[in-house]
C-alpha atoms as a PDB file:
ATOM      1  CA  UNK A   1     -29.614  -6.093 -15.080  1.00  0.00           C
ATOM      2  CA  UNK A   2     -28.696  -2.765 -13.527  1.00  0.00           C
ATOM      3  CA  UNK A   3     -27.552  -4.597 -10.394  1.00  0.00           C
ATOM      4  CA  UNK A   4     -25.290  -6.876 -12.447  1.00  0.00           C
ATOM      5  CA  UNK A   5     -23.636  -3.901 -14.102  1.00  0.00           C
ATOM      6  CA  UNK A   6     -23.019  -2.118 -10.811  1.00  0.00           C
ATOM      7  CA  UNK A   7     -21.708  -5.378  -9.311  1.00  0.00           C
ATOM      8  CA  UNK A   8     -19.294  -5.825 -12.234  1.00  0.00           C
ATOM      9  CA  UNK A   9     -18.077  -2.252 -11.736  1.00  0.00           C
ATOM     10  CA  UNK A  10     -17.165  -3.197  -8.162  1.00  0.00           C
ATOM     11  CA  UNK A  11     -14.806  -6.013  -9.276  1.00  0.00           C
ATOM     12  CA  UNK A  12     -11.170  -5.001  -9.340  1.00  0.00           C
ATOM     13  CA  UNK A  13      -9.399  -8.364  -9.598  1.00  0.00           C
ATOM     14  CA  UNK A  14      -9.737 -11.588 -11.579  1.00  0.00           C
ATOM     15  CA  UNK A  15      -9.596 -14.842  -9.635  1.00  0.00           C
ATOM     16  CA  UNK A  16      -6.572 -17.090  -9.922  1.00  0.00           C
ATOM     17  CA  UNK A  17      -7.090 -19.984 -12.288  1.00  0.00           C
ATOM     18  CA  UNK A  18      -5.343 -22.441  -9.973  1.00  0.00           C
ATOM     19  CA  UNK A  19      -5.042 -22.075  -6.214  1.00  0.00           C
ATOM     20  CA  UNK A  20      -6.476 -19.678  -3.678  1.00  0.00           C
ATOM     21  CA  UNK A  21      -6.745 -15.924  -3.871  1.00  0.00           C
ATOM     22  CA  UNK A  22      -6.705 -13.303  -6.547  1.00  0.00           C
ATOM     23  CA  UNK A  23      -4.891 -12.749  -9.794  1.00  0.00           C
ATOM     24  CA  UNK A  24      -3.925  -9.537 -11.533  1.00  0.00           C
ATOM     25  CA  UNK A  25      -6.087  -6.408 -11.443  1.00  0.00           C
ATOM     26  CA  UNK A  26      -8.773  -6.097 -14.134  1.00  0.00           C
ATOM     27  CA  UNK A  27      -9.876  -2.530 -13.325  1.00  0.00           C
ATOM     28  CA  UNK A  28      -8.091   0.730 -12.706  1.00  0.00           C
ATOM     29  CA  UNK A  29      -9.053   0.600  -9.025  1.00  0.00           C
ATOM     30  CA  UNK A  30      -7.116  -2.648  -8.616  1.00  0.00           C
ATOM     31  CA  UNK A  31      -4.052  -1.154 -10.270  1.00  0.00           C
ATOM     32  CA  UNK A  32      -4.305   1.891  -8.001  1.00  0.00           C
ATOM     33  CA  UNK A  33      -4.544  -0.387  -4.955  1.00  0.00           C
ATOM     34  CA  UNK A  34      -1.517  -2.410  -6.081  1.00  0.00           C
ATOM     35  CA  UNK A  35       0.507   0.705  -6.951  1.00  0.00           C
ATOM     36  CA  UNK A  36      -0.450   2.415  -3.701  1.00  0.00           C
ATOM     37  CA  UNK A  37       0.574  -0.662  -1.728  1.00  0.00           C
ATOM     38  CA  UNK A  38       3.976  -0.762  -3.413  1.00  0.00           C
ATOM     39  CA  UNK A  39       4.456   3.000  -3.002  1.00  0.00           C
ATOM     40  CA  UNK A  40       3.586   2.837   0.713  1.00  0.00           C
ATOM     41  CA  UNK A  41       6.008  -0.071   1.175  1.00  0.00           C
ATOM     42  CA  UNK A  42       8.752   1.964  -0.482  1.00  0.00           C
ATOM     43  CA  UNK A  43       7.986   5.059   1.576  1.00  0.00           C
ATOM     44  CA  UNK A  44       7.759   2.976   4.739  1.00  0.00           C
ATOM     45  CA  UNK A  45      11.120   1.377   4.061  1.00  0.00           C
ATOM     46  CA  UNK A  46      12.644   4.837   3.707  1.00  0.00           C
ATOM     47  CA  UNK A  47      10.965   6.550   6.661  1.00  0.00           C
ATOM     48  CA  UNK A  48      10.099   3.754   9.129  1.00  0.00           C
ATOM     49  CA  UNK A  49      12.702   1.025   8.585  1.00  0.00           C
ATOM     50  CA  UNK A  50      15.941   2.855   9.493  1.00  0.00           C
ATOM     51  CA  UNK A  51      16.384   2.037  13.158  1.00  0.00           C
ATOM     52  CA  UNK A  52      12.853   0.625  13.661  1.00  0.00           C
ATOM     53  CA  UNK A  53      12.680  -2.920  12.255  1.00  0.00           C
ATOM     54  CA  UNK A  54       9.844  -3.943  14.592  1.00  0.00           C
ATOM     55  CA  UNK A  55       7.838  -0.846  13.678  1.00  0.00           C
ATOM     56  CA  UNK A  56       8.430  -1.545  10.000  1.00  0.00           C
ATOM     57  CA  UNK A  57       7.283  -5.145  10.461  1.00  0.00           C
ATOM     58  CA  UNK A  58       4.081  -3.947  12.108  1.00  0.00           C
ATOM     59  CA  UNK A  59       3.594  -1.371   9.335  1.00  0.00           C
ATOM     60  CA  UNK A  60       4.021  -4.017   6.615  1.00  0.00           C
ATOM     61  CA  UNK A  61       1.735  -6.462   8.420  1.00  0.00           C
ATOM     62  CA  UNK A  62      -1.113  -3.990   8.895  1.00  0.00           C
ATOM     63  CA  UNK A  63      -0.769  -2.658   5.340  1.00  0.00           C
ATOM     64  CA  UNK A  64      -0.728  -6.165   3.850  1.00  0.00           C
ATOM     65  CA  UNK A  65      -3.788  -7.285   5.813  1.00  0.00           C
ATOM     66  CA  UNK A  66      -5.684  -4.184   4.672  1.00  0.00           C
ATOM     67  CA  UNK A  67      -4.767  -4.713   0.999  1.00  0.00           C
ATOM     68  CA  UNK A  68      -5.624  -8.428   1.126  1.00  0.00           C
ATOM     69  CA  UNK A  69      -8.992  -7.689   2.736  1.00  0.00           C
ATOM     70  CA  UNK A  70      -9.817  -5.097   0.078  1.00  0.00           C
ATOM     71  CA  UNK A  71      -8.734  -7.339  -2.779  1.00  0.00           C
ATOM     72  CA  UNK A  72     -10.724 -10.275  -1.367  1.00  0.00           C
ATOM     73  CA  UNK A  73     -13.932  -8.246  -1.309  1.00  0.00           C
ATOM     74  CA  UNK A  74     -13.357  -7.001  -4.862  1.00  0.00           C
ATOM     75  CA  UNK A  75     -12.434 -10.280  -6.609  1.00  0.00           C
ATOM     76  CA  UNK A  76     -14.825 -11.814  -9.133  1.00  0.00           C
ATOM     77  CA  UNK A  77     -16.241 -14.965  -7.522  1.00  0.00           C
ATOM     78  CA  UNK A  78     -14.520 -14.299  -4.202  1.00  0.00           C
ATOM     79  CA  UNK A  79     -11.540 -16.110  -2.812  1.00  0.00           C
ATOM     80  CA  UNK A  80     -11.729 -19.890  -2.842  1.00  0.00           C
ATOM     81  CA  UNK A  81      -9.651 -22.791  -4.060  1.00  0.00           C
ATOM     82  CA  UNK A  82      -9.773 -23.240  -7.839  1.00  0.00           C
ATOM     83  CA  UNK A  83      -8.629 -26.192  -9.918  1.00  0.00           C
ATOM     84  CA  UNK A  84      -8.575 -24.505 -13.337  1.00  0.00           C
ATOM     85  CA  UNK A  85     -10.970 -24.408 -16.239  1.00  0.00           C
ATOM     86  CA  UNK A  86     -14.371 -22.727 -15.909  1.00  0.00           C
ATOM     87  CA  UNK A  87     -14.450 -23.088 -12.156  1.00  0.00           C
ATOM     88  CA  UNK A  88     -16.519 -19.989 -11.383  1.00  0.00           C
END
């Protein structure tokens, strides 16, 4: 049972009910990840975007891939297609 508790502590996002991917954060770590992502996008648009659209595109791409990878590893049940109901 101790392993189940520590595993539940490692889950930051709930799965989507329909479709593929993750839903909203269910732990403070998920909210921090989401807020940090949005803050870095805002800062990047202010400091990187003016005069460097390609650099900003690379910045957004790398940041998005990193956030998606983290959220995928911390989603209850992982990422897979769901059709609704109790599909865990």
